[in-house]
Structure formats: C-alpha cells, structure tokens
Amino acid sequence: MTVTVALSKSYTSGPDSRTFAEVQLREPTYKEIFLSSIGEPREFQPTQGGAVLLVYPERVDQYLQRICVSPGYEYLHVLNAVDSLRLQNAVCDFFREEPAALRPPMPLSSGSDGTPQE
C-alpha cells in the first residue's frame, strides 16, 4: 500500500531543484518494523493522570528514510513544521488498525449465488 501526503505548499529542493507538493510513502515491512528494531513510532505510556501517547521523532525519521517513495528522503529537509507533522501522522497511521467494531462484518458463508448467509 502506498499513501500520498498532500503538502500545504510546493517545495523546491535537492541538487536538481526538484519541485514537489506531495510525498508518497509506502507501507513499512515486517523487516523494517521488527528486524531493524525500529518498532512502533508511538506508544502509550502510563502516568498518574492516565495514559499519554508519546511519539518518537527519531523512529518517524528512521521510517521516512526507508519508506519515502517520492520525491525521496533527501528532499524532505526543507519541509515546514506543518508538513513535517503531516508526514509524521502518515507514518503513525500505518500502525493504526481499524477497530473491529468499525469494519464491515465478514459473511461466514455464501449461497450458490454469492449472497451472504448467516
């Protein structure tokens, strides 16, 4: 799966003065997540007041180095704060599974015409 992150403006970067207004990211692989020991880019930490969601910028950056399809990681250094956070959110979204309650139910079986049967 590849996602396209629309940026708030166009940027020109790199030795070839490439202009871009979006960034394409591919989904991280098992190897990148577990074998490279990057882990998840964010996690909940318990506190006295309840759980707090921590985002690890160094992990987000490690993923961007690996999963940036276009224009390429080497072009991203010029992004402003808003667009940098858009990329951070896109990386983190790869690690969020849709809750089962929001997924359409899967039919257990189907009739000869393909209609779901319960």
N, C-alpha and C. Protein backbone atom coordinates (compact mmCIF):
# COMPACT_ATOMS: atom_id res chain seq x y z
N MET A 1 0.85 -1.17 0.00
CA MET A 1 0.00 0.00 0.00
C MET A 1 0.90 1.25 0.00
N THR A 2 0.51 2.21 -0.79
CA THR A 2 1.21 3.49 -0.86
C THR A 2 0.21 4.59 -0.54
N VAL A 3 0.65 5.57 0.26
CA VAL A 3 -0.20 6.72 0.55
C VAL A 3 0.46 7.98 0.03
N THR A 4 -0.36 8.93 -0.35
CA THR A 4 0.14 10.22 -0.82
C THR A 4 -0.23 11.27 0.20
N VAL A 5 0.76 12.00 0.68
CA VAL A 5 0.55 13.06 1.66
C VAL A 5 0.60 14.39 0.92
N ALA A 6 -0.53 15.08 0.89
CA ALA A 6 -0.57 16.41 0.26
C ALA A 6 0.08 17.42 1.20
N LEU A 7 0.94 18.24 0.67
CA LEU A 7 1.64 19.25 1.47
C LEU A 7 0.91 20.58 1.36
N SER A 8 1.18 21.47 2.31
CA SER A 8 0.49 22.76 2.36
C SER A 8 0.97 23.73 1.28
N LYS A 9 2.11 23.42 0.69
CA LYS A 9 2.66 24.27 -0.38
C LYS A 9 3.65 23.47 -1.19
N SER A 10 4.13 24.04 -2.27
CA SER A 10 5.15 23.40 -3.10
C SER A 10 6.53 23.74 -2.54
N TYR A 11 7.44 22.81 -2.69
CA TYR A 11 8.83 22.99 -2.24
C TYR A 11 9.75 22.72 -3.42
N THR A 12 10.91 23.38 -3.40
CA THR A 12 11.97 23.11 -4.36
C THR A 12 13.20 22.73 -3.55
N SER A 13 13.78 21.58 -3.87
CA SER A 13 14.88 21.07 -3.06
C SER A 13 15.78 20.19 -3.91
N GLY A 14 16.96 19.91 -3.39
CA GLY A 14 17.89 18.98 -4.00
C GLY A 14 18.78 19.61 -5.04
N PRO A 15 19.80 18.88 -5.45
CA PRO A 15 20.75 19.39 -6.44
C PRO A 15 20.10 19.62 -7.81
N ASP A 16 18.96 18.92 -8.04
CA ASP A 16 18.28 19.09 -9.32
C ASP A 16 17.13 20.10 -9.23
N SER A 17 17.04 20.81 -8.09
CA SER A 17 15.99 21.81 -7.87
C SER A 17 14.60 21.26 -8.20
N ARG A 18 14.35 20.09 -7.71
CA ARG A 18 13.07 19.42 -7.94
C ARG A 18 11.96 20.11 -7.15
N THR A 19 10.82 20.31 -7.79
CA THR A 19 9.66 20.92 -7.13
C THR A 19 8.63 19.82 -6.86
N PHE A 20 8.07 19.82 -5.64
CA PHE A 20 7.07 18.83 -5.27
C PHE A 20 6.08 19.43 -4.28
N ALA A 21 4.84 18.94 -4.32
CA ALA A 21 3.77 19.40 -3.43
C ALA A 21 3.11 18.24 -2.71
N GLU A 22 3.66 17.05 -2.87
CA GLU A 22 3.15 15.87 -2.18
C GLU A 22 4.30 14.90 -1.99
N VAL A 23 4.10 14.00 -1.02
CA VAL A 23 5.10 12.98 -0.72
C VAL A 23 4.39 11.63 -0.73
N GLN A 24 4.98 10.67 -1.42
CA GLN A 24 4.43 9.32 -1.44
C GLN A 24 5.23 8.43 -0.50
N LEU A 25 4.49 7.70 0.35
CA LEU A 25 5.10 6.78 1.30
C LEU A 25 4.54 5.39 1.06
N ARG A 26 5.38 4.39 1.20
CA ARG A 26 4.90 3.01 1.13
C ARG A 26 4.80 2.44 2.55
N GLU A 27 4.02 1.42 2.68
CA GLU A 27 3.82 0.80 3.98
C GLU A 27 5.10 0.13 4.46
N PRO A 28 5.45 0.30 5.75
CA PRO A 28 6.63 -0.38 6.29
C PRO A 28 6.45 -1.90 6.28
N THR A 29 7.55 -2.60 6.16
CA THR A 29 7.52 -4.06 6.13
C THR A 29 7.86 -4.65 7.50
N TYR A 30 7.58 -5.92 7.64
CA TYR A 30 7.93 -6.66 8.86
C TYR A 30 9.41 -6.48 9.18
N LYS A 31 10.24 -6.62 8.14
CA LYS A 31 11.69 -6.50 8.32
C LYS A 31 12.06 -5.13 8.91
N GLU A 32 11.44 -4.08 8.39
CA GLU A 32 11.75 -2.73 8.88
C GLU A 32 11.25 -2.52 10.30
N ILE A 33 10.09 -3.05 10.60
CA ILE A 33 9.50 -2.84 11.93
C ILE A 33 10.23 -3.65 12.99
N PHE A 34 10.40 -4.94 12.73
CA PHE A 34 10.91 -5.84 13.77
C PHE A 34 12.38 -6.19 13.63
N LEU A 35 12.83 -6.55 12.45
CA LEU A 35 14.21 -6.99 12.29
C LEU A 35 15.20 -5.83 12.34
N SER A 36 14.76 -4.65 11.92
CA SER A 36 15.62 -3.47 12.03
C SER A 36 15.52 -2.83 13.41
N SER A 37 14.64 -3.37 14.23
CA SER A 37 14.44 -2.92 15.62
C SER A 37 14.00 -1.48 15.74
N ILE A 38 13.26 -0.98 14.74
CA ILE A 38 12.75 0.38 14.86
C ILE A 38 11.55 0.38 15.80
N GLY A 39 10.68 -0.59 15.64
CA GLY A 39 9.49 -0.65 16.48
C GLY A 39 8.43 0.34 16.03
N GLU A 40 7.44 0.54 16.87
CA GLU A 40 6.37 1.47 16.54
C GLU A 40 6.83 2.91 16.77
N PRO A 41 6.35 3.84 15.95
CA PRO A 41 6.78 5.22 16.08
C PRO A 41 6.14 5.96 17.25
N ARG A 42 5.12 5.34 17.84
CA ARG A 42 4.47 5.96 19.00
C ARG A 42 3.97 4.86 19.93
N GLU A 43 3.79 5.22 21.20
CA GLU A 43 3.28 4.26 22.16
C GLU A 43 2.66 5.00 23.35
N PHE A 44 1.76 4.30 23.99
CA PHE A 44 1.15 4.84 25.20
C PHE A 44 2.04 4.54 26.39
N GLN A 45 2.21 5.54 27.24
CA GLN A 45 2.97 5.39 28.48
C GLN A 45 2.04 5.72 29.65
N PRO A 46 2.02 4.88 30.68
CA PRO A 46 1.16 5.17 31.84
C PRO A 46 1.72 6.32 32.67
N THR A 47 0.83 7.16 33.15
CA THR A 47 1.20 8.22 34.07
C THR A 47 0.17 8.22 35.20
N GLN A 48 0.38 9.01 36.23
CA GLN A 48 -0.58 9.08 37.32
C GLN A 48 -1.92 9.60 36.85
N GLY A 49 -1.94 10.45 35.85
CA GLY A 49 -3.18 11.03 35.34
C GLY A 49 -3.83 10.20 34.24
N GLY A 50 -3.23 9.10 33.87
CA GLY A 50 -3.75 8.27 32.78
C GLY A 50 -2.67 8.06 31.73
N ALA A 51 -3.02 7.41 30.68
CA ALA A 51 -2.05 7.10 29.62
C ALA A 51 -1.77 8.33 28.76
N VAL A 52 -0.52 8.46 28.34
CA VAL A 52 -0.07 9.54 27.48
C VAL A 52 0.52 8.92 26.21
N LEU A 53 0.15 9.48 25.07
CA LEU A 53 0.68 8.99 23.80
C LEU A 53 1.98 9.71 23.48
N LEU A 54 3.06 8.96 23.39
CA LEU A 54 4.37 9.52 23.05
C LEU A 54 4.70 9.18 21.60
N VAL A 55 5.19 10.18 20.87
CA VAL A 55 5.67 9.96 19.51
C VAL A 55 7.18 10.12 19.54
N TYR A 56 7.88 9.18 18.92
CA TYR A 56 9.33 9.19 18.89
C TYR A 56 9.80 9.74 17.54
N PRO A 57 10.21 11.01 17.48
CA PRO A 57 10.62 11.60 16.21
C PRO A 57 11.76 10.85 15.52
N GLU A 58 12.68 10.28 16.29
CA GLU A 58 13.79 9.56 15.69
C GLU A 58 13.30 8.30 14.97
N ARG A 59 12.25 7.67 15.49
CA ARG A 59 11.69 6.49 14.82
C ARG A 59 10.94 6.90 13.56
N VAL A 60 10.19 8.00 13.65
CA VAL A 60 9.49 8.52 12.47
C VAL A 60 10.52 8.79 11.37
N ASP A 61 11.62 9.42 11.73
CA ASP A 61 12.66 9.73 10.74
C ASP A 61 13.28 8.46 10.17
N GLN A 62 13.51 7.46 11.01
CA GLN A 62 14.07 6.20 10.51
C GLN A 62 13.13 5.57 9.48
N TYR A 63 11.83 5.63 9.74
CA TYR A 63 10.88 5.11 8.76
C TYR A 63 10.89 5.94 7.49
N LEU A 64 10.90 7.25 7.60
CA LEU A 64 10.90 8.10 6.41
C LEU A 64 12.12 7.82 5.54
N GLN A 65 13.27 7.55 6.17
CA GLN A 65 14.47 7.21 5.40
C GLN A 65 14.26 5.96 4.54
N ARG A 66 13.41 5.06 5.02
CA ARG A 66 13.20 3.78 4.34
C ARG A 66 11.98 3.75 3.42
N ILE A 67 10.91 4.47 3.77
CA ILE A 67 9.63 4.29 3.07
C ILE A 67 9.23 5.44 2.16
N CYS A 68 10.04 6.47 2.09
CA CYS A 68 9.72 7.60 1.23
C CYS A 68 9.98 7.20 -0.22
N VAL A 69 8.90 7.14 -1.01
CA VAL A 69 8.99 6.70 -2.40
C VAL A 69 9.31 7.88 -3.32
N SER A 70 8.57 8.96 -3.14
CA SER A 70 8.74 10.13 -3.99
C SER A 70 8.40 11.38 -3.19
N PRO A 71 9.22 12.40 -3.19
CA PRO A 71 10.34 12.67 -4.07
C PRO A 71 11.65 12.03 -3.61
N GLY A 72 11.69 11.39 -2.46
CA GLY A 72 12.92 10.83 -1.91
C GLY A 72 13.24 11.52 -0.60
N TYR A 73 13.75 10.76 0.34
CA TYR A 73 14.06 11.28 1.68
C TYR A 73 14.98 12.50 1.63
N GLU A 74 15.92 12.50 0.72
CA GLU A 74 16.91 13.58 0.65
C GLU A 74 16.30 14.95 0.33
N TYR A 75 15.04 14.97 -0.08
CA TYR A 75 14.37 16.23 -0.41
C TYR A 75 13.55 16.80 0.76
N LEU A 76 13.35 16.01 1.80
CA LEU A 76 12.42 16.39 2.86
C LEU A 76 12.93 17.43 3.85
N HIS A 77 14.22 17.70 3.85
CA HIS A 77 14.80 18.60 4.86
C HIS A 77 14.25 20.03 4.77
N VAL A 78 13.59 20.40 3.69
CA VAL A 78 13.09 21.77 3.54
C VAL A 78 11.65 21.94 4.03
N LEU A 79 10.99 20.86 4.44
CA LEU A 79 9.59 20.95 4.85
C LEU A 79 9.41 21.82 6.09
N ASN A 80 8.29 22.56 6.10
CA ASN A 80 7.99 23.38 7.28
C ASN A 80 7.38 22.49 8.36
N ALA A 81 7.07 23.08 9.52
CA ALA A 81 6.56 22.31 10.66
C ALA A 81 5.24 21.61 10.35
N VAL A 82 4.32 22.31 9.71
CA VAL A 82 3.01 21.74 9.41
C VAL A 82 3.16 20.51 8.52
N ASP A 83 3.94 20.61 7.47
CA ASP A 83 4.11 19.50 6.55
C ASP A 83 4.93 18.37 7.17
N SER A 84 5.88 18.71 8.02
CA SER A 84 6.64 17.69 8.73
C SER A 84 5.71 16.87 9.63
N LEU A 85 4.77 17.54 10.28
CA LEU A 85 3.81 16.83 11.13
C LEU A 85 2.83 16.01 10.29
N ARG A 86 2.52 16.46 9.10
CA ARG A 86 1.67 15.65 8.21
C ARG A 86 2.36 14.33 7.88
N LEU A 87 3.67 14.40 7.63
CA LEU A 87 4.41 13.16 7.35
C LEU A 87 4.49 12.28 8.59
N GLN A 88 4.70 12.90 9.74
CA GLN A 88 4.72 12.13 10.99
C GLN A 88 3.40 11.39 11.19
N ASN A 89 2.30 12.08 10.99
CA ASN A 89 0.99 11.46 11.15
C ASN A 89 0.77 10.34 10.15
N ALA A 90 1.24 10.52 8.93
CA ALA A 90 1.09 9.48 7.90
C ALA A 90 1.87 8.23 8.29
N VAL A 91 3.08 8.42 8.80
CA VAL A 91 3.88 7.27 9.25
C VAL A 91 3.16 6.56 10.39
N CYS A 92 2.68 7.31 11.37
CA CYS A 92 1.99 6.72 12.51
C CYS A 92 0.70 6.02 12.10
N ASP A 93 0.03 6.54 11.09
CA ASP A 93 -1.22 5.93 10.63
C ASP A 93 -1.02 4.52 10.09
N PHE A 94 0.17 4.20 9.59
CA PHE A 94 0.43 2.84 9.14
C PHE A 94 0.31 1.83 10.29
N PHE A 95 0.46 2.31 11.50
CA PHE A 95 0.46 1.43 12.68
C PHE A 95 -0.87 1.43 13.42
N ARG A 96 -1.87 2.00 12.81
CA ARG A 96 -3.19 2.05 13.45
C ARG A 96 -4.13 1.14 12.69
N GLU A 97 -4.58 0.11 13.38
CA GLU A 97 -5.53 -0.81 12.77
C GLU A 97 -6.94 -0.30 13.01
N GLU A 98 -7.76 -0.44 12.02
CA GLU A 98 -9.15 -0.02 12.14
C GLU A 98 -9.82 -0.91 13.20
N PRO A 99 -10.48 -0.31 14.19
CA PRO A 99 -11.13 -1.12 15.22
C PRO A 99 -12.14 -2.09 14.61
N ALA A 100 -12.22 -3.29 15.17
CA ALA A 100 -13.12 -4.32 14.63
C ALA A 100 -14.56 -3.84 14.57
N ALA A 101 -14.95 -2.99 15.50
CA ALA A 101 -16.33 -2.51 15.53
C ALA A 101 -16.66 -1.65 14.31
N LEU A 102 -15.66 -1.06 13.67
CA LEU A 102 -15.89 -0.20 12.51
C LEU A 102 -15.77 -0.94 11.19
N ARG A 103 -15.24 -2.15 11.22
CA ARG A 103 -15.09 -2.93 10.00
C ARG A 103 -16.41 -3.58 9.63
N PRO A 104 -16.71 -3.66 8.34
CA PRO A 104 -17.94 -4.37 7.95
C PRO A 104 -17.81 -5.84 8.31
N PRO A 105 -18.90 -6.45 8.75
CA PRO A 105 -18.82 -7.87 9.12
C PRO A 105 -18.53 -8.75 7.90
N MET A 106 -17.78 -9.78 8.14
CA MET A 106 -17.45 -10.74 7.08
C MET A 106 -18.50 -11.84 7.10
N PRO A 107 -19.10 -12.17 5.97
CA PRO A 107 -20.06 -13.26 5.95
C PRO A 107 -19.36 -14.58 6.27
N LEU A 108 -20.04 -15.41 7.04
CA LEU A 108 -19.48 -16.71 7.39
C LEU A 108 -19.51 -17.66 6.21
N SER A 109 -20.54 -17.56 5.40
CA SER A 109 -20.63 -18.39 4.21
C SER A 109 -21.50 -17.67 3.20
N SER A 110 -21.53 -18.19 2.00
CA SER A 110 -22.35 -17.58 0.97
C SER A 110 -23.12 -18.66 0.22
N GLY A 111 -24.25 -18.24 -0.31
CA GLY A 111 -25.07 -19.16 -1.10
C GLY A 111 -24.45 -19.37 -2.47
N SER A 112 -25.07 -20.22 -3.26
CA SER A 112 -24.53 -20.53 -4.58
C SER A 112 -24.51 -19.32 -5.49
N ASP A 113 -25.37 -18.31 -5.17
CA ASP A 113 -25.36 -17.09 -5.97
C ASP A 113 -24.42 -16.02 -5.42
N GLY A 114 -23.69 -16.37 -4.32
CA GLY A 114 -22.72 -15.44 -3.75
C GLY A 114 -23.28 -14.53 -2.68
N THR A 115 -24.56 -14.60 -2.36
CA THR A 115 -25.14 -13.75 -1.32
C THR A 115 -24.79 -14.31 0.05
N PRO A 116 -24.51 -13.42 1.01
CA PRO A 116 -24.14 -13.88 2.37
C PRO A 116 -25.29 -14.64 3.02
N GLN A 117 -24.93 -15.68 3.74
CA GLN A 117 -25.90 -16.43 4.53
C GLN A 117 -25.41 -16.47 5.96
N GLU A 118 -26.34 -16.39 6.88
CA GLU A 118 -25.95 -16.41 8.30
C GLU A 118 -26.27 -17.72 8.91
